């Protein structure tokens, strides 16, 4: 699936939104996909990806962007966040109860940090609540 062109005003660098520890949480969560976490094509589509294999590829791209402080579109930020939320919380698709084992991160600390990230990304994600504008139709 080819991504739509991004408007330059739509792009935000991780460092302009989040602290380094929060960026690292997102990177670590994205790394769980393709490891202990597995998404079906239907779940991947619900998260705004074309299918599970494209989700894995795009999560790798997002991980790199977060590490390199490269700008992401609001749509990409929404997909990073929903991917993190599901991989952390879901025992069926994500790491779930194995989160602490696979990441070395405490569940209670993770949920507190995730809530901070959700609040900080709120203004960037305002057009995506309820899944709005996550999907590209071609």
C-alpha atoms as a PDB file:
ATOM      1  CA  UNK A   1       0.000   0.000   0.000  1.00  0.00           C
ATOM      2  CA  UNK A   2       1.449   3.303  -1.004  1.00  0.00           C
ATOM      3  CA  UNK A   3       1.091   6.095   1.514  1.00  0.00           C
ATOM      4  CA  UNK A   4      -0.560   9.332   0.615  1.00  0.00           C
ATOM      5  CA  UNK A   5       1.692  12.392   0.431  1.00  0.00           C
ATOM      6  CA  UNK A   6       2.085  14.188   3.712  1.00  0.00           C
ATOM      7  CA  UNK A   7       1.540  17.887   4.144  1.00  0.00           C
ATOM      8  CA  UNK A   8       4.604  19.495   5.717  1.00  0.00           C
ATOM      9  CA  UNK A   9       2.445  21.102   8.422  1.00  0.00           C
ATOM     10  CA  UNK A  10       1.165  17.620   9.327  1.00  0.00           C
ATOM     11  CA  UNK A  11       4.619  16.342  10.339  1.00  0.00           C
ATOM     12  CA  UNK A  12       5.879  16.337  13.931  1.00  0.00           C
ATOM     13  CA  UNK A  13       9.227  15.148  15.265  1.00  0.00           C
ATOM     14  CA  UNK A  14       9.145  12.831  18.282  1.00  0.00           C
ATOM     15  CA  UNK A  15      11.338  15.234  20.280  1.00  0.00           C
ATOM     16  CA  UNK A  16       8.809  18.028  19.746  1.00  0.00           C
ATOM     17  CA  UNK A  17       6.082  15.971  21.414  1.00  0.00           C
ATOM     18  CA  UNK A  18       7.596  13.482  23.840  1.00  0.00           C
ATOM     19  CA  UNK A  19      10.418  12.964  26.299  1.00  0.00           C
ATOM     20  CA  UNK A  20      13.141  10.462  25.340  1.00  0.00           C
ATOM     21  CA  UNK A  21      11.799   7.803  27.746  1.00  0.00           C
ATOM     22  CA  UNK A  22       8.343   8.109  26.176  1.00  0.00           C
ATOM     23  CA  UNK A  23       9.785   7.757  22.683  1.00  0.00           C
ATOM     24  CA  UNK A  24      11.688   4.682  23.850  1.00  0.00           C
ATOM     25  CA  UNK A  25       8.471   3.157  25.213  1.00  0.00           C
ATOM     26  CA  UNK A  26       6.843   3.519  21.788  1.00  0.00           C
ATOM     27  CA  UNK A  27       9.902   2.071  20.043  1.00  0.00           C
ATOM     28  CA  UNK A  28       9.982  -0.915  22.381  1.00  0.00           C
ATOM     29  CA  UNK A  29       6.267  -1.530  21.929  1.00  0.00           C
ATOM     30  CA  UNK A  30       6.526  -1.433  18.136  1.00  0.00           C
ATOM     31  CA  UNK A  31       9.336  -3.964  18.374  1.00  0.00           C
ATOM     32  CA  UNK A  32       6.968  -6.460  19.988  1.00  0.00           C
ATOM     33  CA  UNK A  33       5.072  -6.839  16.700  1.00  0.00           C
ATOM     34  CA  UNK A  34       6.595  -9.695  14.784  1.00  0.00           C
ATOM     35  CA  UNK A  35       8.111 -10.978  18.018  1.00  0.00           C
ATOM     36  CA  UNK A  36       5.751 -12.271  20.668  1.00  0.00           C
ATOM     37  CA  UNK A  37       2.859 -10.199  19.298  1.00  0.00           C
ATOM     38  CA  UNK A  38       0.979 -11.169  16.150  1.00  0.00           C
ATOM     39  CA  UNK A  39      -1.721  -9.214  14.354  1.00  0.00           C
ATOM     40  CA  UNK A  40      -4.221 -10.725  11.969  1.00  0.00           C
ATOM     41  CA  UNK A  41      -4.925  -8.945   8.695  1.00  0.00           C
ATOM     42  CA  UNK A  42      -8.272  -7.802  10.134  1.00  0.00           C
ATOM     43  CA  UNK A  43      -6.655  -6.317  13.239  1.00  0.00           C
ATOM     44  CA  UNK A  44      -3.958  -4.640  11.157  1.00  0.00           C
ATOM     45  CA  UNK A  45      -6.639  -3.082   8.941  1.00  0.00           C
ATOM     46  CA  UNK A  46      -8.535  -1.888  12.026  1.00  0.00           C
ATOM     47  CA  UNK A  47      -5.328  -0.133  13.101  1.00  0.00           C
ATOM     48  CA  UNK A  48      -5.012   1.601   9.734  1.00  0.00           C
ATOM     49  CA  UNK A  49      -2.604  -0.722   7.909  1.00  0.00           C
ATOM     50  CA  UNK A  50      -3.243  -2.564   4.641  1.00  0.00           C
ATOM     51  CA  UNK A  51      -2.627  -5.970   6.223  1.00  0.00           C
ATOM     52  CA  UNK A  52      -0.445  -7.679   8.832  1.00  0.00           C
ATOM     53  CA  UNK A  53       2.676  -7.868   6.660  1.00  0.00           C
ATOM     54  CA  UNK A  54       2.503  -4.168   5.756  1.00  0.00           C
ATOM     55  CA  UNK A  55       1.944  -3.406   9.435  1.00  0.00           C
ATOM     56  CA  UNK A  56       5.208  -5.161  10.315  1.00  0.00           C
ATOM     57  CA  UNK A  57       7.078  -3.220   7.628  1.00  0.00           C
ATOM     58  CA  UNK A  58       5.567   0.099   8.663  1.00  0.00           C
ATOM     59  CA  UNK A  59       6.202  -0.552  12.366  1.00  0.00           C
ATOM     60  CA  UNK A  60       9.889  -1.016  11.450  1.00  0.00           C
ATOM     61  CA  UNK A  61       9.790   2.314   9.614  1.00  0.00           C
ATOM     62  CA  UNK A  62       8.117   3.946  12.634  1.00  0.00           C
ATOM     63  CA  UNK A  63      10.755   2.488  14.973  1.00  0.00           C
ATOM     64  CA  UNK A  64      13.491   3.972  12.792  1.00  0.00           C
ATOM     65  CA  UNK A  65      11.717   7.339  12.640  1.00  0.00           C
ATOM     66  CA  UNK A  66      11.368   7.427  16.417  1.00  0.00           C
ATOM     67  CA  UNK A  67      15.045   6.515  16.898  1.00  0.00           C
ATOM     68  CA  UNK A  68      16.205   9.098  14.338  1.00  0.00           C
ATOM     69  CA  UNK A  69      13.781  11.806  15.496  1.00  0.00           C
ATOM     70  CA  UNK A  70      12.310  11.897  11.998  1.00  0.00           C
ATOM     71  CA  UNK A  71       8.942  13.609  11.601  1.00  0.00           C
ATOM     72  CA  UNK A  72       5.748  11.554  11.426  1.00  0.00           C
ATOM     73  CA  UNK A  73       2.327  12.546  10.124  1.00  0.00           C
ATOM     74  CA  UNK A  74      -0.644  12.695  12.475  1.00  0.00           C
ATOM     75  CA  UNK A  75      -1.943   9.517  10.814  1.00  0.00           C
ATOM     76  CA  UNK A  76       1.353   7.781  11.522  1.00  0.00           C
ATOM     77  CA  UNK A  77       1.312   9.010  15.131  1.00  0.00           C
ATOM     78  CA  UNK A  78      -2.193   7.534  15.467  1.00  0.00           C
ATOM     79  CA  UNK A  79      -1.004   4.192  14.119  1.00  0.00           C
ATOM     80  CA  UNK A  80       2.044   4.218  16.412  1.00  0.00           C
ATOM     81  CA  UNK A  81      -0.183   4.881  19.412  1.00  0.00           C
ATOM     82  CA  UNK A  82      -2.886   2.299  18.637  1.00  0.00           C
ATOM     83  CA  UNK A  83      -0.184  -0.286  17.864  1.00  0.00           C
ATOM     84  CA  UNK A  84       1.392   0.436  21.242  1.00  0.00           C
ATOM     85  CA  UNK A  85      -1.914   0.312  23.101  1.00  0.00           C
ATOM     86  CA  UNK A  86      -2.877  -3.053  21.634  1.00  0.00           C
ATOM     87  CA  UNK A  87       0.527  -4.694  21.909  1.00  0.00           C
ATOM     88  CA  UNK A  88       0.752  -3.708  25.578  1.00  0.00           C
ATOM     89  CA  UNK A  89      -2.774  -4.577  26.668  1.00  0.00           C
ATOM     90  CA  UNK A  90      -3.969  -7.471  24.516  1.00  0.00           C
ATOM     91  CA  UNK A  91      -3.099 -10.986  25.595  1.00  0.00           C
ATOM     92  CA  UNK A  92      -4.739 -12.368  22.435  1.00  0.00           C
ATOM     93  CA  UNK A  93      -2.817 -10.311  19.879  1.00  0.00           C
ATOM     94  CA  UNK A  94      -0.148  -8.450  21.793  1.00  0.00           C
ATOM     95  CA  UNK A  95       2.329  -9.150  24.542  1.00  0.00           C
ATOM     96  CA  UNK A  96      -0.340  -8.723  27.210  1.00  0.00           C
ATOM     97  CA  UNK A  97       0.527 -10.611  30.381  1.00  0.00           C
ATOM     98  CA  UNK A  98       4.012 -11.300  28.994  1.00  0.00           C
ATOM     99  CA  UNK A  99       4.779  -7.573  28.528  1.00  0.00           C
ATOM    100  CA  UNK A 100       7.015  -7.356  31.572  1.00  0.00           C
ATOM    101  CA  UNK A 101       8.854 -10.541  30.612  1.00  0.00           C
ATOM    102  CA  UNK A 102       9.434  -9.605  26.971  1.00  0.00           C
ATOM    103  CA  UNK A 103      10.218  -5.913  27.479  1.00  0.00           C
ATOM    104  CA  UNK A 104      11.582  -5.730  31.015  1.00  0.00           C
ATOM    105  CA  UNK A 105       9.099  -2.925  31.669  1.00  0.00           C
ATOM    106  CA  UNK A 106       6.771  -2.974  34.663  1.00  0.00           C
ATOM    107  CA  UNK A 107       3.045  -3.022  33.786  1.00  0.00           C
ATOM    108  CA  UNK A 108       2.114  -0.276  36.262  1.00  0.00           C
ATOM    109  CA  UNK A 109       4.922   2.007  35.097  1.00  0.00           C
ATOM    110  CA  UNK A 110       4.019   1.307  31.477  1.00  0.00           C
ATOM    111  CA  UNK A 111       0.354   2.224  31.882  1.00  0.00           C
ATOM    112  CA  UNK A 112       1.302   5.450  33.670  1.00  0.00           C
ATOM    113  CA  UNK A 113       3.751   6.325  30.895  1.00  0.00           C
ATOM    114  CA  UNK A 114       1.242   5.364  28.210  1.00  0.00           C
ATOM    115  CA  UNK A 115      -1.369   7.681  29.724  1.00  0.00           C
ATOM    116  CA  UNK A 116       1.157  10.526  29.615  1.00  0.00           C
ATOM    117  CA  UNK A 117       1.914   9.743  25.958  1.00  0.00           C
ATOM    118  CA  UNK A 118      -1.811   9.637  25.128  1.00  0.00           C
ATOM    119  CA  UNK A 119      -2.304  13.069  26.677  1.00  0.00           C
ATOM    120  CA  UNK A 120       0.740  14.566  24.971  1.00  0.00           C
ATOM    121  CA  UNK A 121      -0.318  13.252  21.569  1.00  0.00           C
ATOM    122  CA  UNK A 122      -3.926  14.389  22.012  1.00  0.00           C
ATOM    123  CA  UNK A 123      -3.663  17.542  19.940  1.00  0.00           C
ATOM    124  CA  UNK A 124      -1.826  15.717  17.125  1.00  0.00           C
ATOM    125  CA  UNK A 125      -4.439  12.951  17.089  1.00  0.00           C
ATOM    126  CA  UNK A 126      -7.575  15.081  17.317  1.00  0.00           C
ATOM    127  CA  UNK A 127      -8.750  14.145  13.818  1.00  0.00           C
ATOM    128  CA  UNK A 128      -8.244  10.419  14.405  1.00  0.00           C
ATOM    129  CA  UNK A 129     -10.323   9.624  17.471  1.00  0.00           C
ATOM    130  CA  UNK A 130     -12.729   6.778  16.796  1.00  0.00           C
ATOM    131  CA  UNK A 131     -10.463   5.578  13.986  1.00  0.00           C
ATOM    132  CA  UNK A 132     -11.321   8.520  11.752  1.00  0.00           C
ATOM    133  CA  UNK A 133      -8.901   9.135   8.900  1.00  0.00           C
ATOM    134  CA  UNK A 134      -6.700   6.136   9.709  1.00  0.00           C
ATOM    135  CA  UNK A 135      -7.680   4.420   6.512  1.00  0.00           C
ATOM    136  CA  UNK A 136      -6.550   5.269   3.027  1.00  0.00           C
ATOM    137  CA  UNK A 137      -8.908   4.128   0.318  1.00  0.00           C
ATOM    138  CA  UNK A 138      -7.468   3.570  -3.111  1.00  0.00           C
END
